[in-house]
Amino acid sequence: GDYFPSEKDPNGNKTTDDDQIMTLNLSMDMSLGPMNGKVKAGVKISNKEKMADESGAEVWGWDGDDDITMTDYVKAVDGDDFLEGNYKHSVGIDVDKIRDHMTANIDDYEVFPGYEDAIFSTWSAKEDLMAYYGMLDMRMGSMNIIAGARIENASTEYTSRNGDIETIEDEEGTLDEALALTTEVTSNQDHSVALPMLHLKYGVNDKMLVRAAYTESMARSNYGSLTPYVLAEDGEAEAGNPDLVPAHSKNIDLMLEYYAGPLGVISFGYFTKNIDDYFYTAVMEDYVLQGKTYDEVKMPMNGDGATLSGWEINLQQQLSFLPGLLSGLGIYANYTSTNSEADYGSGRDKTTLPGQSGNTGNMSLSYETKKVSARLSYAISDEYIVEVGGDADEDVFYEPANRIDISMSYDPMPNLTILADLMNLNNAPLGYFQGSASTPIQRELYGPSFRMGVQYDF
């Protein structure tokens, strides 16, 4: 066939943010019986506009006189090097040959709009926010009490487009002609929320602290999920959801901290959360979307409710007691274990909370001097749900992961820093499975990567 892999013009992407923010904070000393501290209050007004514009995306297609086939642009592939030898094949695409052909015959390539990105990845969002807070920060002996609340009112507007990508691509028209086959859709949403909080901190002695907190928090979905687009093809659709409401969480946290010398700390904590309207990605069959029934629809949704509880332990210690150059060494370790349950309220069985691993951990060895900073890190996490299907066999999970990274910086002179990062040194795979680990659906290996930069502070 006369087809090469599509090439997207990187210069066609543009994201703009326009933020206007005004804040006012007031503070006053206050005494209340045996307690002394401050009373604080403030207001924040924010007007934000964000636009993602990919209208310049392009796809190149061969339009020369001679037919070309992919058999001329392949190379032998060593199966032992591909996906760790788990997939055997003899040939693969030779990217260098394709690039050389395009360079030598660029005038014989026809340029088309990259319809999918140019239309369905282009959107705009407006957000007007007004928030108020008031709080008391009081001390009584070894006890510190912080109590208050935040009230937030927000108004949002999102604009994007709906259309059938198959129909658009069949027409092979200009971008304006393709846009005429779609519909611009705008959605509006208002919400108000009150978020109380209470923090208690008690110093048992000069080495031990006990913390307890009750808080309520809110999370809004990302702009891309809220835009009201519908990308349809072959009876299936991927869509945004302008009806998503912010997730609301009620949280209890308990923490015990022990300071082992001036540069070390050990802490143990317990936490629990009750979350309403959490976010998840749903894949639904025979679903009606904007008056049309699709065989399958993939879109973000709000869940009914979820619970999350667990414990964590942290260890951090600078080994400054070691002699000479070794005094710059430090260690850090963190482990978190969680149990979660998510309710979908639609006849679907409960699952663990989407996006939440049961076990996560981090370990790092650091080295710090006045000019040099380096860190070797190892991170692990269990599998977690990324897409919720009609039943457990259709749920999509991100595989358990572990990764080794190194980050370094060097200050050769004041205001100048040289930065370097070595990432994924263990060639950790990116993988997904459906239903169970025995049914993988995607696996990618990228190898280690390196980046370097220079930072100068004026």
Protein backbone atom coordinates (compact mmCIF):
# COMPACT_ATOMS: atom_id res chain seq x y z
CA GLY A 1 0.00 0.00 0.00
CA ASP A 2 1.03 3.62 -0.49
CA TYR A 3 1.05 4.40 3.20
CA PHE A 4 3.70 5.50 5.62
CA PRO A 5 3.25 6.11 9.35
CA SER A 6 1.54 9.44 9.92
CA GLU A 7 3.74 12.37 10.86
CA LYS A 8 2.32 15.04 13.13
CA ASP A 9 3.68 18.57 12.83
CA PRO A 10 5.03 19.45 16.31
CA ASN A 11 4.71 23.15 15.54
CA GLY A 12 0.94 22.80 15.24
CA ASN A 13 0.42 22.53 18.99
CA LYS A 14 -0.22 25.54 21.18
CA THR A 15 -1.55 25.87 24.70
CA THR A 16 -2.21 29.27 26.23
CA ASP A 17 -3.10 30.26 29.77
CA ASP A 18 -4.35 33.65 30.87
CA ASP A 19 -4.61 33.95 34.66
CA GLN A 20 -5.76 36.99 36.59
CA ILE A 21 -5.58 36.54 40.35
CA MET A 22 -6.23 38.93 43.21
CA THR A 23 -5.75 37.96 46.86
CA LEU A 24 -6.24 39.74 50.16
CA ASN A 25 -5.04 38.26 53.47
CA LEU A 26 -5.56 39.76 56.93
CA SER A 27 -4.01 38.66 60.22
CA MET A 28 -4.48 39.86 63.79
CA ASP A 29 -3.00 38.78 67.12
CA MET A 30 -5.52 37.28 69.49
CA SER A 31 -5.74 35.92 73.05
CA LEU A 32 -8.48 33.55 74.15
CA GLY A 33 -8.19 32.55 77.79
CA PRO A 34 -4.98 30.52 78.19
CA MET A 35 -4.46 30.45 74.41
CA ASN A 36 -2.52 32.95 72.33
CA GLY A 37 -2.21 33.16 68.58
CA LYS A 38 -3.67 34.76 65.49
CA VAL A 39 -6.96 35.04 63.67
CA LYS A 40 -6.64 35.09 59.88
CA ALA A 41 -9.04 35.74 57.01
CA GLY A 42 -8.75 36.28 53.30
CA VAL A 43 -10.35 36.31 49.89
CA LYS A 44 -9.14 35.17 46.47
CA ILE A 45 -10.63 36.17 43.12
CA SER A 46 -9.40 34.29 40.07
CA ASN A 47 -10.31 34.55 36.39
CA LYS A 48 -8.68 31.91 34.21
CA GLU A 49 -8.85 31.19 30.49
CA LYS A 50 -7.08 28.22 28.95
CA MET A 51 -6.99 27.14 25.31
CA ALA A 52 -5.50 24.05 23.68
CA ASP A 53 -5.04 24.71 19.95
CA GLU A 54 -3.84 21.85 17.76
CA SER A 55 -5.38 23.20 14.56
CA GLY A 56 -1.94 23.19 12.94
CA ALA A 57 -1.54 19.40 13.22
CA GLU A 58 -0.66 17.82 9.87
CA VAL A 59 -0.43 14.34 8.35
CA TRP A 60 1.74 13.63 5.29
CA GLY A 61 0.64 11.14 2.62
CA TRP A 62 2.49 9.87 -0.47
CA ASP A 63 1.21 11.41 -3.73
CA GLY A 64 4.04 10.54 -6.14
CA ASP A 65 3.72 8.82 -9.53
CA ASP A 66 5.35 5.58 -8.41
CA ASP A 67 3.73 3.12 -6.07
CA ILE A 68 5.67 2.35 -2.93
CA THR A 69 5.25 -0.55 -0.55
CA MET A 70 6.38 -1.05 3.00
CA THR A 71 8.49 -4.05 1.94
CA ASP A 72 11.11 -1.55 0.77
CA TYR A 73 11.25 0.10 4.18
CA VAL A 74 11.71 -2.73 6.64
CA LYS A 75 14.72 -4.24 8.34
CA ALA A 76 15.61 -7.43 10.14
CA VAL A 77 14.77 -7.35 13.84
CA ASP A 78 16.44 -9.47 16.48
CA GLY A 79 13.54 -10.99 18.35
CA ASP A 80 15.64 -11.43 21.48
CA ASP A 81 15.87 -7.64 21.83
CA PHE A 82 12.16 -6.93 21.35
CA LEU A 83 9.94 -6.99 24.45
CA GLU A 84 12.65 -8.90 26.34
CA GLY A 85 12.46 -11.77 23.84
CA ASN A 86 8.79 -12.51 24.56
CA TYR A 87 7.68 -11.73 21.02
CA LYS A 88 9.47 -13.28 18.04
CA HIS A 89 9.39 -11.72 14.61
CA SER A 90 11.83 -11.29 11.73
CA VAL A 91 11.24 -7.81 10.30
CA GLY A 92 10.19 -4.36 11.47
CA ILE A 93 9.81 -0.84 10.13
CA ASP A 94 13.06 0.95 9.31
CA VAL A 95 12.39 4.49 10.48
CA ASP A 96 15.63 5.83 9.00
CA LYS A 97 14.71 4.61 5.49
CA ILE A 98 11.28 6.22 5.75
CA ARG A 99 12.77 9.50 6.94
CA ASP A 100 15.34 9.47 4.12
CA HIS A 101 12.61 8.85 1.53
CA MET A 102 10.51 11.72 2.83
CA THR A 103 13.49 14.07 2.82
CA ALA A 104 14.46 13.17 -0.75
CA ASN A 105 10.89 13.30 -2.12
CA ILE A 106 9.23 15.93 0.03
CA ASP A 107 7.56 17.63 -2.97
CA ASP A 108 5.68 14.40 -3.74
CA TYR A 109 4.03 14.26 -0.34
CA GLU A 110 0.55 15.67 0.14
CA VAL A 111 -0.19 17.38 3.41
CA PHE A 112 -3.55 16.82 5.10
CA PRO A 113 -4.85 18.28 8.33
CA GLY A 114 -4.39 15.98 11.30
CA TYR A 115 -8.15 15.88 11.73
CA GLU A 116 -8.35 14.01 15.04
CA ASP A 117 -5.92 16.29 16.90
CA ALA A 118 -6.77 19.47 15.00
CA ILE A 119 -10.48 19.17 15.78
CA PHE A 120 -10.98 17.05 18.89
CA SER A 121 -7.87 18.08 20.84
CA THR A 122 -8.65 21.76 20.36
CA TRP A 123 -10.77 23.26 23.13
CA SER A 124 -11.15 26.28 25.39
CA ALA A 125 -12.06 26.72 29.04
CA LYS A 126 -12.99 29.64 31.27
CA GLU A 127 -13.11 29.57 35.05
CA ASP A 128 -14.22 32.32 37.43
CA LEU A 129 -13.47 31.60 41.07
CA MET A 130 -14.15 33.42 44.32
CA ALA A 131 -12.96 31.89 47.58
CA TYR A 132 -12.98 33.01 51.21
CA TYR A 133 -11.29 31.59 54.27
CA GLY A 134 -11.14 32.22 57.98
CA MET A 135 -9.00 30.47 60.59
CA LEU A 136 -7.67 30.52 64.14
CA ASP A 137 -4.05 29.56 64.84
CA MET A 138 -3.72 29.25 68.63
CA ARG A 139 -1.13 27.88 71.05
CA MET A 140 -1.54 26.67 74.60
CA GLY A 141 1.63 25.25 76.11
CA SER A 142 2.75 22.31 73.97
CA MET A 143 -0.55 22.25 72.05
CA ASN A 144 -1.12 24.02 68.71
CA ILE A 145 -4.71 24.26 67.41
CA ILE A 146 -5.61 25.42 63.91
CA ALA A 147 -9.30 25.58 62.99
CA GLY A 148 -11.08 27.21 60.09
CA ALA A 149 -12.96 26.84 56.84
CA ARG A 150 -12.71 27.73 53.16
CA ILE A 151 -15.75 28.59 51.03
CA GLU A 152 -15.41 28.43 47.27
CA ASN A 153 -17.76 29.50 44.47
CA ALA A 154 -16.79 28.67 40.89
CA SER A 155 -18.33 29.16 37.46
CA THR A 156 -16.89 27.35 34.43
CA GLU A 157 -17.46 27.25 30.66
CA TYR A 158 -16.00 24.69 28.26
CA THR A 159 -16.13 24.66 24.45
CA SER A 160 -15.14 21.84 22.08
CA ARG A 161 -16.52 19.93 19.06
CA ASN A 162 -18.50 16.76 18.30
CA GLY A 163 -18.18 14.71 15.13
CA ASP A 164 -17.52 11.39 13.39
CA ILE A 165 -13.83 11.04 12.54
CA GLU A 166 -14.47 8.35 9.91
CA THR A 167 -16.77 10.66 7.93
CA ILE A 168 -14.28 13.51 8.21
CA GLU A 169 -11.32 11.43 7.02
CA ASP A 170 -13.30 9.98 4.10
CA GLU A 171 -13.95 13.50 2.79
CA GLU A 172 -10.22 14.42 2.85
CA GLY A 173 -11.17 18.10 2.86
CA THR A 174 -9.53 21.18 4.25
CA LEU A 175 -9.68 21.86 7.96
CA ASP A 176 -12.52 24.36 7.43
CA GLU A 177 -14.45 21.76 5.42
CA ALA A 178 -13.85 19.20 8.15
CA LEU A 179 -15.00 21.62 10.83
CA ALA A 180 -18.24 22.09 8.88
CA LEU A 181 -18.94 18.38 9.46
CA THR A 182 -18.74 18.84 13.23
CA THR A 183 -20.75 20.73 15.83
CA GLU A 184 -19.38 23.20 18.35
CA VAL A 185 -20.64 22.43 21.84
CA THR A 186 -20.46 24.64 24.93
CA SER A 187 -21.23 23.57 28.50
CA ASN A 188 -21.51 25.60 31.70
CA GLN A 189 -21.26 24.56 35.33
CA ASP A 190 -21.48 26.31 38.70
CA HIS A 191 -20.59 24.89 42.09
CA SER A 192 -20.19 26.04 45.69
CA VAL A 193 -18.53 24.17 48.53
CA ALA A 194 -17.55 24.72 52.17
CA LEU A 195 -14.40 22.96 53.42
CA PRO A 196 -13.85 22.95 57.20
CA MET A 197 -10.61 21.82 58.85
CA LEU A 198 -9.18 21.19 62.31
CA HIS A 199 -5.49 20.48 63.03
CA LEU A 200 -4.06 19.54 66.43
CA LYS A 201 -0.34 19.29 67.14
CA TYR A 202 1.03 18.25 70.53
CA GLY A 203 4.70 18.21 71.50
CA VAL A 204 5.16 15.24 73.85
CA ASN A 205 8.77 16.26 74.42
CA ASP A 206 11.58 17.87 72.44
CA LYS A 207 11.87 14.77 70.22
CA MET A 208 8.29 13.57 69.73
CA LEU A 209 5.24 15.16 68.09
CA VAL A 210 1.67 13.90 67.77
CA ARG A 211 -0.54 15.29 65.02
CA ALA A 212 -4.26 14.79 64.37
CA ALA A 213 -6.41 16.40 61.71
CA TYR A 214 -9.91 16.43 60.30
CA THR A 215 -10.14 18.08 56.89
CA GLU A 216 -12.47 18.25 53.95
CA SER A 217 -10.99 18.68 50.49
CA MET A 218 -12.21 19.07 46.94
CA ALA A 219 -10.69 18.11 43.58
CA ARG A 220 -11.81 19.29 40.16
CA SER A 221 -11.22 17.18 37.09
CA ASN A 222 -8.73 18.30 34.44
CA TYR A 223 -9.98 20.55 31.66
CA GLY A 224 -9.63 17.89 28.96
CA SER A 225 -12.05 15.57 30.77
CA LEU A 226 -14.64 18.33 31.24
CA THR A 227 -14.78 19.54 27.62
CA PRO A 228 -17.99 18.32 25.91
CA TYR A 229 -16.32 16.71 22.87
CA VAL A 230 -17.45 13.47 21.22
CA LEU A 231 -15.00 11.65 18.94
CA ALA A 232 -16.98 8.94 17.13
CA GLU A 233 -15.76 6.19 14.81
CA ASP A 234 -17.25 2.86 13.71
CA GLY A 235 -20.09 2.96 16.22
CA GLU A 236 -17.75 3.69 19.13
CA ALA A 237 -17.06 7.00 20.84
CA GLU A 238 -14.58 8.66 23.15
CA ALA A 239 -16.04 11.65 24.96
CA GLY A 240 -15.52 14.27 27.59
CA ASN A 241 -18.05 14.76 30.35
CA PRO A 242 -19.15 18.34 31.12
CA ASP A 243 -21.41 16.98 33.88
CA LEU A 244 -18.49 15.92 36.06
CA VAL A 245 -18.79 17.47 39.51
CA PRO A 246 -15.85 18.03 41.87
CA ALA A 247 -14.88 15.13 44.11
CA HIS A 248 -15.39 15.82 47.83
CA SER A 249 -13.36 14.02 50.48
CA LYS A 250 -13.67 13.89 54.27
CA ASN A 251 -10.31 13.00 55.79
CA ILE A 252 -8.94 11.94 59.17
CA ASP A 253 -5.15 11.81 59.64
CA LEU A 254 -3.12 10.73 62.67
CA MET A 255 0.67 11.01 62.77
CA LEU A 256 3.42 10.26 65.30
CA GLU A 257 6.83 11.83 64.58
CA TYR A 258 10.11 11.13 66.35
CA TYR A 259 13.11 13.35 65.63
CA ALA A 260 16.30 11.29 65.89
CA GLY A 261 18.88 14.02 66.18
CA PRO A 262 18.95 17.31 64.29
CA LEU A 263 18.80 15.78 60.79
CA GLY A 264 16.67 12.67 61.13
CA VAL A 265 13.00 11.79 61.58
CA ILE A 266 10.89 8.65 61.84
CA SER A 267 7.13 8.95 61.45
CA PHE A 268 4.15 6.62 61.47
CA GLY A 269 0.70 7.62 60.30
CA TYR A 270 -2.83 6.33 59.85
CA PHE A 271 -5.38 7.88 57.49
CA THR A 272 -8.93 7.37 56.34
CA LYS A 273 -10.97 9.09 53.64
CA ASN A 274 -14.60 9.05 52.56
CA ILE A 275 -14.86 10.32 49.00
CA ASP A 276 -18.02 11.36 47.15
CA ASP A 277 -18.13 11.75 43.36
CA TYR A 278 -14.60 10.43 42.77
CA PHE A 279 -13.37 10.32 39.15
CA TYR A 280 -12.86 7.23 37.02
CA THR A 281 -12.73 6.30 33.33
CA ALA A 282 -15.67 4.12 32.29
CA VAL A 283 -16.08 1.91 29.22
CA MET A 284 -19.80 1.31 28.59
CA GLU A 285 -21.60 -0.81 25.99
CA ASP A 286 -24.80 0.24 24.16
CA TYR A 287 -24.60 3.68 25.74
CA VAL A 288 -26.73 6.66 24.73
CA LEU A 289 -24.68 9.83 24.36
CA GLN A 290 -26.25 13.13 23.30
CA GLY A 291 -29.27 11.31 21.86
CA LYS A 292 -27.31 8.68 19.89
CA THR A 293 -26.66 5.06 20.88
CA TYR A 294 -23.07 3.81 20.51
CA ASP A 295 -21.80 0.24 20.71
CA GLU A 296 -19.13 1.40 23.14
CA VAL A 297 -18.38 4.70 24.86
CA LYS A 298 -15.25 5.59 26.82
CA MET A 299 -15.57 8.66 29.02
CA PRO A 300 -14.76 10.02 32.50
CA MET A 301 -17.48 9.61 35.13
CA ASN A 302 -18.23 10.38 38.78
CA GLY A 303 -18.50 7.41 41.09
CA ASP A 304 -21.08 7.27 43.88
CA GLY A 305 -18.72 6.98 46.81
CA ALA A 306 -15.45 5.43 47.93
CA THR A 307 -13.60 4.69 51.14
CA LEU A 308 -9.84 4.64 51.58
CA SER A 309 -7.80 3.83 54.67
CA GLY A 310 -4.25 2.84 55.39
CA TRP A 311 -1.00 3.52 57.15
CA GLU A 312 2.41 4.84 56.23
CA ILE A 313 5.88 4.86 57.68
CA ASN A 314 8.69 7.28 56.81
CA LEU A 315 12.38 7.31 57.65
CA GLN A 316 14.75 10.15 56.85
CA GLN A 317 18.29 10.50 58.17
CA GLN A 318 21.31 12.56 57.17
CA LEU A 319 24.45 10.56 58.00
CA SER A 320 26.36 13.65 59.10
CA PHE A 321 28.08 11.68 61.89
CA LEU A 322 30.16 9.78 59.30
CA PRO A 323 33.74 10.97 58.75
CA GLY A 324 34.99 13.15 55.90
CA LEU A 325 33.22 13.05 52.56
CA LEU A 326 30.82 10.36 53.82
CA SER A 327 29.11 12.95 56.05
CA GLY A 328 27.16 14.14 53.00
CA LEU A 329 25.26 10.86 52.69
CA GLY A 330 21.58 10.57 53.57
CA ILE A 331 18.86 7.92 53.40
CA TYR A 332 15.11 8.15 52.90
CA ALA A 333 12.47 5.43 52.87
CA ASN A 334 8.69 5.50 52.69
CA TYR A 335 6.09 2.72 52.59
CA THR A 336 2.32 3.12 52.33
CA SER A 337 -0.31 0.38 52.56
CA THR A 338 -3.93 1.15 51.66
CA ASN A 339 -7.29 -0.56 51.48
CA SER A 340 -9.98 0.98 49.31
CA GLU A 341 -13.47 0.29 47.99
CA ALA A 342 -15.33 2.12 45.24
CA ASP A 343 -19.10 2.02 44.65
CA TYR A 344 -20.44 2.76 41.16
CA GLY A 345 -24.14 2.68 42.02
CA SER A 346 -25.15 1.12 38.68
CA GLY A 347 -25.40 -2.58 39.40
CA ARG A 348 -21.66 -2.93 38.87
CA ASP A 349 -19.68 -4.80 41.55
CA LYS A 350 -17.50 -2.71 43.83
CA THR A 351 -13.77 -2.51 43.14
CA THR A 352 -10.71 -0.92 44.64
CA LEU A 353 -10.57 2.84 44.08
CA PRO A 354 -9.46 3.58 40.49
CA GLY A 355 -5.94 4.97 40.38
CA GLN A 356 -5.10 3.69 43.88
CA SER A 357 -2.34 1.11 44.47
CA GLY A 358 -2.57 -1.14 47.49
CA ASN A 359 1.13 -0.79 48.26
CA THR A 360 3.65 1.88 47.29
CA GLY A 361 7.19 2.49 48.42
CA ASN A 362 10.17 4.75 47.82
CA MET A 363 13.79 4.42 48.85
CA SER A 364 16.63 6.78 48.09
CA LEU A 365 20.28 7.34 48.87
CA SER A 366 21.36 10.97 48.68
CA TYR A 367 24.62 12.88 48.79
CA GLU A 368 24.76 16.59 49.62
CA THR A 369 27.58 19.12 49.83
CA LYS A 370 27.63 22.87 49.33
CA LYS A 371 28.06 22.45 45.56
CA VAL A 372 26.93 18.90 44.76
CA SER A 373 23.56 17.18 45.17
CA ALA A 374 22.85 13.63 43.98
CA ARG A 375 20.05 11.15 44.62
CA LEU A 376 19.59 7.47 43.69
CA SER A 377 15.91 6.50 43.98
CA TYR A 378 13.95 3.26 43.75
CA ALA A 379 10.14 3.33 43.61
CA ILE A 380 7.61 0.48 43.60
CA SER A 381 3.82 0.32 43.28
CA ASP A 382 1.13 -2.35 42.95
CA GLU A 383 -1.30 -2.58 40.07
CA TYR A 384 -4.31 -0.25 40.00
CA ILE A 385 -7.46 0.19 37.93
CA VAL A 386 -7.32 2.72 35.08
CA GLU A 387 -10.57 1.85 33.23
CA VAL A 388 -13.78 0.42 34.68
CA GLY A 389 -15.66 -1.93 32.37
CA GLY A 390 -19.09 -3.52 32.51
CA ASP A 391 -17.79 -6.27 34.81
CA ALA A 392 -14.57 -7.34 36.50
CA ASP A 393 -13.30 -9.18 33.41
CA GLU A 394 -13.38 -5.91 31.44
CA ASP A 395 -11.53 -3.74 33.98
CA VAL A 396 -8.16 -2.46 32.75
CA PHE A 397 -5.24 -2.31 35.19
CA TYR A 398 -1.83 -0.66 35.14
CA GLU A 399 0.76 -3.33 35.91
CA PRO A 400 2.86 -3.35 39.08
CA ALA A 401 5.86 -1.11 38.51
CA ASN A 402 9.34 -0.49 39.86
CA ARG A 403 11.81 2.09 38.66
CA ILE A 404 15.34 3.32 39.36
CA ASP A 405 16.30 6.97 38.74
CA ILE A 406 19.30 9.18 39.45
CA SER A 407 19.16 12.98 39.73
CA MET A 408 22.21 15.21 40.10
CA SER A 409 23.05 18.91 40.32
CA TYR A 410 26.27 20.88 40.57
CA ASP A 411 26.78 24.56 41.40
CA PRO A 412 30.11 25.61 39.81
CA MET A 413 29.52 29.24 40.79
CA PRO A 414 26.86 31.38 42.50
CA ASN A 415 23.53 31.52 40.61
CA LEU A 416 24.59 28.77 38.15
CA THR A 417 23.41 25.15 38.44
CA ILE A 418 24.10 22.24 36.08
CA LEU A 419 21.33 19.61 36.22
CA ALA A 420 21.32 15.99 35.02
CA ASP A 421 18.76 13.17 35.33
CA LEU A 422 19.15 9.48 34.49
CA MET A 423 15.70 7.89 34.39
CA ASN A 424 14.37 4.34 34.22
CA LEU A 425 17.81 2.76 34.60
CA ASN A 426 16.27 -0.69 35.07
CA ASN A 427 14.27 -0.45 31.78
CA ALA A 428 10.98 -0.84 33.64
CA PRO A 429 8.12 -1.74 31.27
CA LEU A 430 4.87 0.13 30.90
CA GLY A 431 2.10 -2.43 30.84
CA TYR A 432 -1.65 -2.90 31.13
CA PHE A 433 -3.77 -6.00 31.60
CA GLN A 434 -7.51 -6.64 31.45
CA GLY A 435 -9.30 -8.61 34.12
CA SER A 436 -6.24 -10.49 35.37
CA ALA A 437 -2.47 -10.38 34.97
CA SER A 438 -2.68 -13.42 32.67
CA THR A 439 -4.38 -11.32 29.96
CA PRO A 440 -1.99 -8.47 29.07
CA ILE A 441 -3.25 -5.96 26.50
CA GLN A 442 -0.31 -3.56 26.21
CA ARG A 443 3.38 -3.65 27.02
CA GLU A 444 6.02 -1.07 26.12
CA LEU A 445 9.75 -0.85 26.82
CA TYR A 446 11.51 2.47 26.48
CA GLY A 447 14.92 1.87 28.00
CA PRO A 448 16.85 4.36 30.12
CA SER A 449 16.70 8.06 29.26
CA PHE A 450 18.90 11.04 30.04
CA ARG A 451 18.36 14.76 30.22
CA MET A 452 20.65 17.61 31.10
CA GLY A 453 20.14 21.32 31.65
CA VAL A 454 21.61 24.52 32.95
CA GLN A 455 19.83 26.91 35.33
CA TYR A 456 20.93 30.48 35.97
CA ASP A 457 19.24 32.67 38.54
CA PHE A 458 19.39 36.40 37.82
